[in-house]
Amino acid sequence: MVKKNVPDWLNSSLWTTAPSSPSPSSSDDPSKPAISPSKTTGEPNFEPPIPVRPPTVTREEQPPPPPPSLSQKPEIKDKNSRTSITSNANSSSSSSIDKDEDRDGENGASPAAGPSAEDITKQAQLLTELSKKVVNVKELRKIASQGLPDGAGIRSTVWKLLLGYLSPERSQWSSELAKKRSQYKIFKDELLMNPSEITRKLEKSTLDDEPKSESRCVLSRSEITHDEHPLSLGKTSVWNQFFQDSEIIEQIDRDVKRTHPDLHFFCGDSSFANSNQEALKSILVVFAKLNPGIRYVQGMNEILAPLYYVFKSDPDEDMAACAEADTFFCFVELLSGFRDNFCQQLDNSVVGIRSTITKLSQLLKEHDEELWRHLEITAKVRDGSSAIEQVNPQFYAFRWITLLLTQEFNFADSLHIWDTLLSDPEGPQETLLRICCAMLILIRRRLLAGDFTTILKLLQNYPPTNIRHLLYVANKLRHVPTC
């Protein structure tokens, strides 16, 4: 029987048949409930043509050398005030990649033996486009929207272009990057300095400016102004500000240490992992001090991690060495599109996170009203008796939206999702909502069959899925559904 208010392309066994071989979730948490596939009904066992899943990030003990076409490109320079790449990619990164491969296996994604013919063709197209004197960003978005190859440092360069960090004119890359990286260094020197160092610099500059005279034979005590006293509570006191910042820095430090604990790239006892953590902390602290209206909000570290990982993994050592600076400016640009989601004062406004979640609910209603109604009114058992309760989208969509789906899929799949998010000319916000809506539609049968508790567990621990197929469905949601 055809479902009402559901597009014809959804009336297929694909939406009522569980995945063929679900596997354990990406989380290492043993308490995470296993998602068992629901049994199929007597519907025909066929599927419409589905794009082949992109290969997961290929793991090799050593990064492949950059191809001649990339080695000839001028050093990427930043544009529109975005810069960040601060550490060398060394052999320690191979251990992180190996760990990431293990994670892929845990999520049901079998490691690919090598790049597919499609990826090889796409890589050739991208290298050709990137070698032009003026990059056609529109064409670049079109190619990148279906995912980027994982090798040759292509993703690093393309993301910088899509975020506006690099100018389409290649001749400007070197000068722009040098300017932005120098600017980030100044930010660090000025904003990561403690008050004692600031005071010493002020005293030194004062003494250098004062004319020498015979009358200054006796050393005078340094005059300490009220704002320079460590116990001052004045709003302009550097010490008062320092103690306030210390609370945020401590929170950043705790969150950074919890960033992707299953990846050696971010966690572990190696000096490489420690240097990567320090880079993330520096970026977040500088951002917090430059943006007092938002400062730092828990979860920003999860959005920062993919950017830094991609830029730090660039096979071009010069580019990888500047990953921190490049990441900072790209992070600022990316967050500008989601800034209001992190501002608590705007939560209940038309641009806040609650309004964004409402848009997701409306999008689901437009494309699958049956599923939307089921989530709106779901039975919940309390003390042996049933009660009607709504599966509030905030229970699951808040994390999906604010963390840009970085916690719902394995790391390699998250990078492919971000390829699509960053390449959409409409902006990442609308694309993100379509992907979230597609996530609900893909598991609609299990959601329709579940009660409140089952649904909540399923949505808070999203099952493994074919990312290429998920993005295909999300793209279909661009069109207004026909009733």
Protein backbone atom coordinates (compact mmCIF):
# COMPACT_ATOMS: atom_id res chain seq x y z
CA MET A 1 0.00 0.00 0.00
CA VAL A 2 1.41 3.37 -0.99
CA LYS A 3 2.17 5.64 1.94
CA LYS A 4 0.40 8.96 2.04
CA ASN A 5 2.36 12.16 1.72
CA VAL A 6 5.51 10.24 0.86
CA PRO A 7 7.28 10.76 -2.51
CA ASP A 8 7.12 7.89 -5.00
CA TRP A 9 10.85 7.32 -4.76
CA LEU A 10 10.38 6.54 -1.06
CA ASN A 11 7.74 3.86 -1.74
CA SER A 12 10.37 1.21 -2.22
CA SER A 13 11.45 -1.76 -0.20
CA LEU A 14 14.67 0.12 0.42
CA TRP A 15 12.94 2.16 3.14
CA THR A 16 11.24 -0.84 4.73
CA THR A 17 14.14 -3.24 4.69
CA ALA A 18 16.85 -3.28 7.29
CA PRO A 19 20.51 -3.00 6.23
CA SER A 20 21.89 -6.25 4.98
CA SER A 21 24.69 -6.59 7.50
CA PRO A 22 24.68 -4.15 10.38
CA SER A 23 27.83 -4.03 12.40
CA PRO A 24 28.84 -2.67 15.76
CA SER A 25 28.80 1.07 16.20
CA SER A 26 31.90 3.23 15.96
CA SER A 27 31.88 4.00 19.64
CA ASP A 28 34.35 2.18 21.84
CA ASP A 29 31.93 2.44 24.74
CA PRO A 30 30.91 -1.12 25.65
CA SER A 31 27.68 0.19 27.11
CA LYS A 32 26.53 1.35 23.71
CA PRO A 33 23.49 -0.75 22.74
CA ALA A 34 23.84 -2.96 19.71
CA ILE A 35 21.40 -2.15 16.95
CA SER A 36 19.78 -5.28 15.61
CA PRO A 37 18.14 -5.17 12.19
CA SER A 38 14.42 -5.54 12.06
CA LYS A 39 13.05 -8.49 10.18
CA THR A 40 11.85 -7.97 6.68
CA THR A 41 8.30 -8.36 5.67
CA GLY A 42 7.09 -10.17 2.63
CA GLU A 43 8.08 -7.38 0.29
CA PRO A 44 10.13 -8.03 -2.84
CA ASN A 45 13.81 -8.25 -2.13
CA PHE A 46 15.28 -5.72 -4.53
CA GLU A 47 16.95 -2.38 -4.29
CA PRO A 48 17.05 0.58 -6.65
CA PRO A 49 20.40 1.51 -8.12
CA ILE A 50 22.58 2.84 -5.34
CA PRO A 51 25.90 4.61 -5.86
CA VAL A 52 28.82 2.51 -4.72
CA ARG A 53 30.15 3.39 -1.28
CA PRO A 54 33.32 5.46 -1.41
CA PRO A 55 36.41 3.67 -0.15
CA THR A 56 37.39 4.44 3.39
CA VAL A 57 40.56 6.32 4.16
CA THR A 58 43.37 4.14 2.90
CA ARG A 59 45.87 3.29 5.61
CA GLU A 60 49.51 2.96 4.76
CA GLU A 61 52.52 2.82 7.00
CA GLN A 62 54.00 5.85 5.29
CA PRO A 63 52.23 8.64 3.43
CA PRO A 64 52.61 8.40 -0.33
CA PRO A 65 54.89 10.99 -1.95
CA PRO A 66 53.07 13.92 -3.55
CA PRO A 67 52.50 13.53 -7.28
CA PRO A 68 54.53 15.76 -9.60
CA SER A 69 51.52 17.95 -10.38
CA LEU A 70 51.04 18.86 -6.72
CA SER A 71 54.69 19.34 -5.96
CA GLN A 72 54.81 21.99 -8.63
CA LYS A 73 52.03 24.08 -7.17
CA PRO A 74 53.02 27.25 -5.36
CA GLU A 75 52.81 27.24 -1.59
CA ILE A 76 49.18 27.64 -0.61
CA LYS A 77 48.53 31.01 0.88
CA ASP A 78 45.46 31.98 2.80
CA LYS A 79 42.77 34.42 1.84
CA ASN A 80 40.09 36.36 3.66
CA SER A 81 41.92 36.14 6.96
CA ARG A 82 42.18 32.38 7.25
CA THR A 83 45.42 30.59 8.06
CA SER A 84 46.60 27.56 9.97
CA ILE A 85 49.01 24.71 9.55
CA THR A 86 51.59 24.39 12.30
CA SER A 87 53.26 21.09 12.59
CA ASN A 88 55.20 18.64 10.49
CA ALA A 89 53.52 15.45 9.41
CA ASN A 90 55.90 12.79 10.59
CA SER A 91 55.97 9.06 10.85
CA SER A 92 53.88 9.15 14.02
CA SER A 93 50.84 9.99 11.91
CA SER A 94 50.94 6.50 10.44
CA SER A 95 49.97 5.02 13.78
CA SER A 96 46.92 7.26 13.93
CA ILE A 97 45.90 6.17 10.48
CA ASP A 98 46.31 2.53 11.42
CA LYS A 99 44.06 3.09 14.41
CA ASP A 100 41.52 4.83 12.25
CA GLU A 101 41.48 1.80 9.98
CA ASP A 102 40.64 -0.37 12.97
CA ARG A 103 37.78 1.95 13.74
CA ASP A 104 36.50 1.62 10.18
CA GLY A 105 36.38 -2.12 10.60
CA GLU A 106 34.44 -1.80 13.82
CA ASN A 107 31.83 0.27 12.00
CA GLY A 108 31.26 -2.26 9.29
CA ALA A 109 33.32 -0.44 6.70
CA SER A 110 35.86 -2.84 5.27
CA PRO A 111 39.12 -1.14 4.37
CA ALA A 112 39.51 -0.64 0.66
CA ALA A 113 42.36 -2.39 -1.10
CA GLY A 114 43.09 0.67 -3.17
CA PRO A 115 41.53 3.63 -4.95
CA SER A 116 38.69 2.82 -7.31
CA ALA A 117 38.65 3.79 -10.98
CA GLU A 118 36.14 6.49 -10.10
CA ASP A 119 38.48 7.96 -7.49
CA ILE A 120 41.40 7.90 -9.89
CA THR A 121 39.35 9.75 -12.49
CA LYS A 122 38.12 12.26 -9.91
CA GLN A 123 41.64 12.83 -8.65
CA ALA A 124 42.82 13.57 -12.19
CA GLN A 125 39.96 16.06 -12.65
CA LEU A 126 40.79 17.81 -9.38
CA LEU A 127 44.50 18.01 -10.12
CA THR A 128 43.72 19.51 -13.50
CA GLU A 129 41.40 22.08 -11.94
CA LEU A 130 43.86 22.95 -9.17
CA SER A 131 46.68 23.45 -11.66
CA LYS A 132 44.89 26.27 -13.46
CA LYS A 133 46.00 29.85 -12.93
CA VAL A 134 42.49 30.70 -11.78
CA VAL A 135 40.60 27.86 -10.12
CA ASN A 136 36.97 27.48 -11.14
CA VAL A 137 35.42 27.22 -7.68
CA LYS A 138 32.00 26.41 -9.12
CA GLU A 139 33.39 23.40 -10.96
CA LEU A 140 35.40 22.48 -7.87
CA ARG A 141 32.23 22.43 -5.76
CA LYS A 142 30.54 20.21 -8.30
CA ILE A 143 33.33 17.64 -8.21
CA ALA A 144 33.79 17.79 -4.44
CA SER A 145 30.08 17.41 -3.67
CA GLN A 146 30.32 13.65 -4.29
CA GLY A 147 33.33 13.23 -2.03
CA LEU A 148 37.06 13.77 -2.43
CA PRO A 149 39.86 11.23 -2.85
CA ASP A 150 41.80 10.65 0.34
CA GLY A 151 45.31 10.83 -1.10
CA ALA A 152 47.71 13.35 -2.62
CA GLY A 153 46.72 16.14 -0.23
CA ILE A 154 43.82 17.10 -2.46
CA ARG A 155 41.29 17.44 0.34
CA SER A 156 43.54 19.88 2.20
CA THR A 157 43.79 22.23 -0.76
CA VAL A 158 40.15 21.91 -1.82
CA TRP A 159 38.78 22.59 1.67
CA LYS A 160 40.86 25.77 1.90
CA LEU A 161 39.43 26.93 -1.41
CA LEU A 162 35.85 26.02 -0.48
CA LEU A 163 36.15 27.88 2.82
CA GLY A 164 37.50 30.96 1.09
CA TYR A 165 40.85 30.69 2.82
CA LEU A 166 42.59 30.48 -0.54
CA SER A 167 41.92 32.81 -3.42
CA PRO A 168 40.94 31.23 -6.75
CA GLU A 169 43.99 32.98 -8.22
CA ARG A 170 46.95 30.71 -7.60
CA SER A 171 49.44 33.54 -7.98
CA GLN A 172 48.15 35.05 -4.72
CA TRP A 173 48.41 31.91 -2.62
CA SER A 174 51.99 32.36 -1.40
CA SER A 175 51.65 35.99 -0.31
CA GLU A 176 48.22 35.49 1.28
CA LEU A 177 49.29 32.44 3.24
CA ALA A 178 52.44 34.16 4.48
CA LYS A 179 50.37 37.12 5.63
CA LYS A 180 47.81 35.02 7.47
CA ARG A 181 50.35 32.77 9.12
CA SER A 182 52.25 35.81 10.33
CA GLN A 183 49.01 37.26 11.68
CA TYR A 184 48.26 34.08 13.62
CA LYS A 185 51.73 34.16 15.17
CA ILE A 186 51.03 37.69 16.38
CA PHE A 187 47.73 36.52 17.87
CA LYS A 188 49.52 33.80 19.80
CA ASP A 189 52.30 36.08 21.01
CA GLU A 190 49.81 38.66 22.30
CA LEU A 191 46.95 36.49 23.57
CA LEU A 192 48.78 33.52 25.07
CA MET A 193 51.03 35.66 27.25
CA ASN A 194 50.49 35.72 31.02
CA PRO A 195 50.24 39.06 32.91
CA SER A 196 53.76 38.81 34.34
CA GLU A 197 55.23 38.70 30.85
CA ILE A 198 52.98 41.58 29.79
CA THR A 199 54.14 43.68 32.76
CA ARG A 200 57.79 42.94 32.07
CA LYS A 201 57.38 43.97 28.43
CA LEU A 202 55.66 47.22 29.47
CA GLU A 203 58.39 47.99 32.00
CA LYS A 204 61.11 47.29 29.47
CA SER A 205 59.50 49.50 26.85
CA THR A 206 59.05 52.29 29.44
CA LEU A 207 62.66 52.11 30.56
CA ASP A 208 63.86 52.14 26.96
CA ASP A 209 61.79 55.26 26.26
CA GLU A 210 62.94 57.19 29.34
CA PRO A 211 66.01 59.46 28.83
CA LYS A 212 69.03 58.59 30.90
CA SER A 213 70.12 61.26 33.43
CA GLU A 214 72.49 61.56 36.34
CA SER A 215 69.54 62.10 38.67
CA ARG A 216 68.45 58.48 38.16
CA CYS A 217 71.38 57.03 40.02
CA VAL A 218 69.20 55.16 42.52
CA LEU A 219 67.00 52.32 41.39
CA SER A 220 63.35 53.22 41.94
CA ARG A 221 60.62 50.74 42.82
CA SER A 222 58.42 49.80 39.91
CA GLU A 223 55.17 51.64 40.09
CA ILE A 224 52.33 49.14 39.98
CA THR A 225 49.04 50.56 38.83
CA HIS A 226 45.74 49.28 40.21
CA ASP A 227 44.94 47.36 37.04
CA GLU A 228 48.34 45.65 37.10
CA HIS A 229 47.97 44.35 40.67
CA PRO A 230 47.30 40.56 40.85
CA LEU A 231 44.46 41.09 43.35
CA SER A 232 42.69 43.73 41.30
CA LEU A 233 39.08 42.96 40.39
CA GLY A 234 38.78 45.79 37.89
CA LYS A 235 37.25 45.00 34.51
CA THR A 236 40.36 46.29 32.76
CA SER A 237 42.75 44.42 35.07
CA VAL A 238 45.00 42.08 33.11
CA TRP A 239 45.21 39.78 36.13
CA ASN A 240 41.44 39.64 36.63
CA GLN A 241 41.05 38.77 32.95
CA PHE A 242 43.82 36.19 33.25
CA PHE A 243 42.02 34.34 36.06
CA GLN A 244 38.75 34.39 34.13
CA ASP A 245 40.49 33.01 31.07
CA SER A 246 42.08 30.27 33.18
CA GLU A 247 38.68 28.64 33.70
CA ILE A 248 38.06 28.48 29.97
CA ILE A 249 41.57 27.21 29.29
CA GLU A 250 41.06 24.41 31.80
CA GLN A 251 37.81 23.42 30.08
CA ILE A 252 39.52 23.47 26.68
CA ASP A 253 42.34 21.32 28.03
CA ARG A 254 39.89 18.69 29.35
CA ASP A 255 37.92 18.59 26.10
CA VAL A 256 40.98 18.40 23.87
CA LYS A 257 42.27 15.41 25.80
CA ARG A 258 38.96 13.65 25.11
CA THR A 259 39.06 14.39 21.37
CA HIS A 260 38.92 11.13 19.39
CA PRO A 261 40.58 8.97 22.06
CA ASP A 262 40.65 6.06 19.60
CA LEU A 263 42.96 7.88 17.18
CA HIS A 264 46.69 7.98 17.90
CA PHE A 265 46.82 11.19 15.89
CA PHE A 266 45.07 13.00 18.76
CA CYS A 267 45.66 10.81 21.80
CA GLY A 268 48.53 8.80 23.20
CA ASP A 269 51.91 9.30 24.79
CA SER A 270 53.78 10.14 21.59
CA SER A 271 55.26 13.58 21.11
CA PHE A 272 53.34 13.80 17.84
CA ALA A 273 49.96 13.36 19.56
CA ASN A 274 50.95 15.80 22.30
CA SER A 275 51.96 18.43 19.76
CA ASN A 276 48.62 18.00 17.99
CA GLN A 277 46.76 18.47 21.26
CA GLU A 278 48.75 21.61 22.01
CA ALA A 279 47.88 22.97 18.56
CA LEU A 280 44.16 22.37 19.13
CA LYS A 281 44.34 24.06 22.54
CA SER A 282 46.15 27.10 21.16
CA ILE A 283 43.62 27.53 18.37
CA LEU A 284 40.64 27.31 20.73
CA VAL A 285 42.16 29.67 23.31
CA VAL A 286 43.01 32.28 20.67
CA PHE A 287 39.52 31.96 19.20
CA ALA A 288 37.90 32.35 22.64
CA LYS A 289 39.86 35.51 23.39
CA LEU A 290 39.16 37.06 20.00
CA ASN A 291 35.43 36.27 20.24
CA PRO A 292 34.29 37.33 23.73
CA GLY A 293 30.64 37.09 22.68
CA ILE A 294 30.92 33.32 22.22
CA ARG A 295 34.29 32.45 23.78
CA TYR A 296 34.54 28.66 24.01
CA VAL A 297 31.60 26.28 23.95
CA GLN A 298 32.03 22.61 24.72
CA GLY A 299 32.10 20.64 21.47
CA MET A 300 34.06 23.14 19.42
CA ASN A 301 37.04 20.81 19.73
CA GLU A 302 35.12 18.16 17.77
CA ILE A 303 34.51 20.58 14.89
CA LEU A 304 38.13 21.71 14.94
CA ALA A 305 39.59 18.18 14.83
CA PRO A 306 38.69 17.24 11.20
CA LEU A 307 40.12 20.50 9.86
CA TYR A 308 43.39 20.10 11.71
CA TYR A 309 43.67 16.42 10.81
CA VAL A 310 43.23 17.10 7.09
CA PHE A 311 45.67 20.01 6.99
CA LYS A 312 48.25 18.30 9.20
CA SER A 313 48.10 15.17 7.03
CA ASP A 314 48.99 17.09 3.87
CA PRO A 315 51.91 15.22 2.20
CA ASP A 316 53.46 18.60 1.43
CA GLU A 317 55.68 19.05 4.50
CA ASP A 318 55.70 22.82 4.19
CA MET A 319 51.91 22.88 4.21
CA ALA A 320 51.68 20.41 7.09
CA ALA A 321 54.12 22.50 9.11
CA CYS A 322 51.69 25.42 8.99
CA ALA A 323 48.58 23.38 9.81
CA GLU A 324 47.82 25.19 13.06
CA ALA A 325 47.63 28.65 11.52
CA ASP A 326 45.66 27.47 8.48
CA THR A 327 43.25 25.53 10.69
CA PHE A 328 42.58 28.57 12.86
CA PHE A 329 41.36 30.76 10.01
CA CYS A 330 39.39 27.96 8.35
CA PHE A 331 37.79 27.17 11.71
CA VAL A 332 36.74 30.81 12.07
CA GLU A 333 35.21 30.76 8.59
CA LEU A 334 33.40 27.45 9.12
CA LEU A 335 32.03 28.49 12.49
CA SER A 336 30.74 31.77 11.08
CA GLY A 337 27.97 29.79 9.38
CA PHE A 338 26.98 28.08 12.64
CA ARG A 339 27.87 30.87 15.09
CA ASP A 340 24.32 31.36 16.36
CA ASN A 341 24.04 27.69 17.37
CA PHE A 342 26.72 28.28 20.00
CA CYS A 343 25.31 31.51 21.42
CA GLN A 344 23.12 30.64 24.40
CA GLN A 345 21.44 34.05 24.38
CA LEU A 346 20.06 33.24 20.92
CA ASP A 347 18.77 29.73 21.71
CA ASN A 348 15.12 30.82 21.58
CA SER A 349 15.49 33.29 18.73
CA VAL A 350 14.71 32.74 15.05
CA VAL A 351 18.41 32.08 14.39
CA GLY A 352 19.18 29.97 17.47
CA ILE A 353 19.65 26.22 17.78
CA ARG A 354 16.01 25.55 18.71
CA SER A 355 14.83 27.29 15.55
CA THR A 356 17.29 25.19 13.52
CA ILE A 357 15.97 21.99 15.08
CA THR A 358 12.42 23.10 14.27
CA LYS A 359 13.46 23.52 10.63
CA LEU A 360 14.66 19.92 10.64
CA SER A 361 11.31 18.76 12.00
CA GLN A 362 9.46 20.70 9.30
CA LEU A 363 11.72 19.26 6.62
CA LEU A 364 10.89 15.74 7.77
CA LYS A 365 7.18 16.58 7.76
CA GLU A 366 7.42 17.77 4.15
CA HIS A 367 9.14 14.62 2.92
CA ASP A 368 7.77 11.89 5.22
CA GLU A 369 4.70 12.98 7.15
CA GLU A 370 3.98 9.46 8.40
CA LEU A 371 7.34 9.22 10.14
CA TRP A 372 7.05 12.78 11.43
CA ARG A 373 3.68 12.03 13.06
CA HIS A 374 5.02 8.86 14.62
CA LEU A 375 7.89 10.75 16.24
CA GLU A 376 5.51 13.46 17.41
CA ILE A 377 3.22 11.00 19.18
CA THR A 378 4.95 7.90 20.51
CA ALA A 379 3.94 5.55 23.30
CA LYS A 380 6.14 5.53 26.36
CA VAL A 381 5.70 2.90 29.08
CA ARG A 382 5.71 4.21 32.63
CA ASP A 383 5.19 1.93 35.62
CA GLY A 384 3.47 -0.66 33.45
CA SER A 385 1.07 1.80 31.83
CA SER A 386 1.41 3.49 28.46
CA ALA A 387 1.63 7.23 28.00
CA ILE A 388 1.92 9.38 24.90
CA GLU A 389 5.11 11.38 24.63
CA GLN A 390 6.86 13.21 21.83
CA VAL A 391 10.35 12.15 20.74
CA ASN A 392 11.66 15.70 21.04
CA PRO A 393 14.16 16.33 18.21
CA GLN A 394 16.42 18.05 20.74
CA PHE A 395 17.11 14.63 22.26
CA TYR A 396 19.17 13.64 19.21
CA ALA A 397 19.33 16.52 16.69
CA PHE A 398 21.08 18.95 19.05
CA ARG A 399 24.27 16.89 18.90
CA TRP A 400 23.87 16.11 15.20
CA ILE A 401 23.65 19.80 14.28
CA THR A 402 26.04 21.47 16.72
CA LEU A 403 28.84 18.93 16.15
CA LEU A 404 28.25 18.66 12.37
CA LEU A 405 27.73 14.88 12.58
CA THR A 406 31.29 14.26 13.76
CA GLN A 407 30.08 11.92 16.52
CA GLU A 408 27.57 9.86 14.54
CA PHE A 409 29.94 8.18 12.07
CA ASN A 410 33.51 6.95 11.99
CA PHE A 411 36.16 9.55 11.30
CA ALA A 412 36.77 8.62 7.66
CA ASP A 413 33.04 8.80 6.86
CA SER A 414 32.79 12.16 8.63
CA LEU A 415 35.40 13.58 6.27
CA HIS A 416 33.35 12.51 3.24
CA ILE A 417 30.23 14.09 4.76
CA TRP A 418 32.19 17.31 5.24
CA ASP A 419 33.22 17.23 1.57
CA THR A 420 29.53 17.62 0.75
CA LEU A 421 28.84 20.16 3.50
CA LEU A 422 31.65 22.48 2.43
CA SER A 423 31.01 22.17 -1.31
CA ASP A 424 27.34 23.13 -1.28
CA PRO A 425 26.89 26.65 -2.71
CA GLU A 426 23.81 27.13 -0.51
CA GLY A 427 26.00 26.85 2.55
CA PRO A 428 26.61 24.04 5.04
CA GLN A 429 23.57 24.77 7.23
CA GLU A 430 20.88 23.75 4.74
CA THR A 431 22.89 20.78 3.53
CA LEU A 432 23.38 19.62 7.11
CA LEU A 433 19.63 19.66 7.74
CA ARG A 434 18.99 17.61 4.59
CA ILE A 435 21.54 15.02 5.67
CA CYS A 436 19.96 14.82 9.13
CA CYS A 437 16.54 14.35 7.54
CA ALA A 438 17.94 11.63 5.28
CA MET A 439 19.34 9.87 8.35
CA LEU A 440 15.82 9.62 9.75
CA ILE A 441 14.33 8.40 6.47
CA LEU A 442 16.96 5.72 6.01
CA ILE A 443 15.92 4.00 9.25
CA ARG A 444 12.21 4.85 9.01
CA ARG A 445 11.01 1.24 9.28
CA ARG A 446 12.77 0.67 12.59
CA LEU A 447 11.58 4.04 13.85
CA LEU A 448 7.97 3.29 12.90
CA ALA A 449 8.15 -0.08 14.65
CA GLY A 450 9.76 1.22 17.83
CA ASP A 451 8.48 2.70 21.06
CA PHE A 452 9.86 5.78 22.78
CA THR A 453 12.84 4.05 24.40
CA THR A 454 13.80 2.07 21.29
CA ILE A 455 13.60 5.14 19.07
CA LEU A 456 15.69 7.25 21.44
CA LYS A 457 18.43 4.61 21.68
CA LEU A 458 18.50 4.22 17.91
CA LEU A 459 18.76 7.95 17.20
CA GLN A 460 21.36 8.59 19.89
CA ASN A 461 23.45 5.67 18.60
CA TYR A 462 22.95 5.90 14.87
CA PRO A 463 23.64 2.57 13.11
CA PRO A 464 26.35 2.16 10.45
CA THR A 465 25.20 3.14 6.99
CA ASN A 466 26.42 3.61 3.44
CA ILE A 467 27.62 7.21 3.40
CA ARG A 468 27.46 7.55 -0.38
CA HIS A 469 23.83 6.40 -0.27
CA LEU A 470 23.04 8.74 2.63
CA LEU A 471 24.35 11.72 0.67
CA TYR A 472 22.42 10.57 -2.40
CA VAL A 473 19.15 10.58 -0.44
CA ALA A 474 19.98 13.96 1.13
CA ASN A 475 20.49 15.41 -2.34
CA LYS A 476 17.08 14.10 -3.41
CA LEU A 477 15.52 16.12 -0.59
CA ARG A 478 16.47 19.34 -2.36
CA HIS A 479 13.34 18.98 -4.44
CA VAL A 480 9.91 19.90 -3.07
CA PRO A 481 8.00 16.67 -2.43
CA THR A 482 4.93 15.92 -4.51
CA CYS A 483 1.87 14.78 -2.60
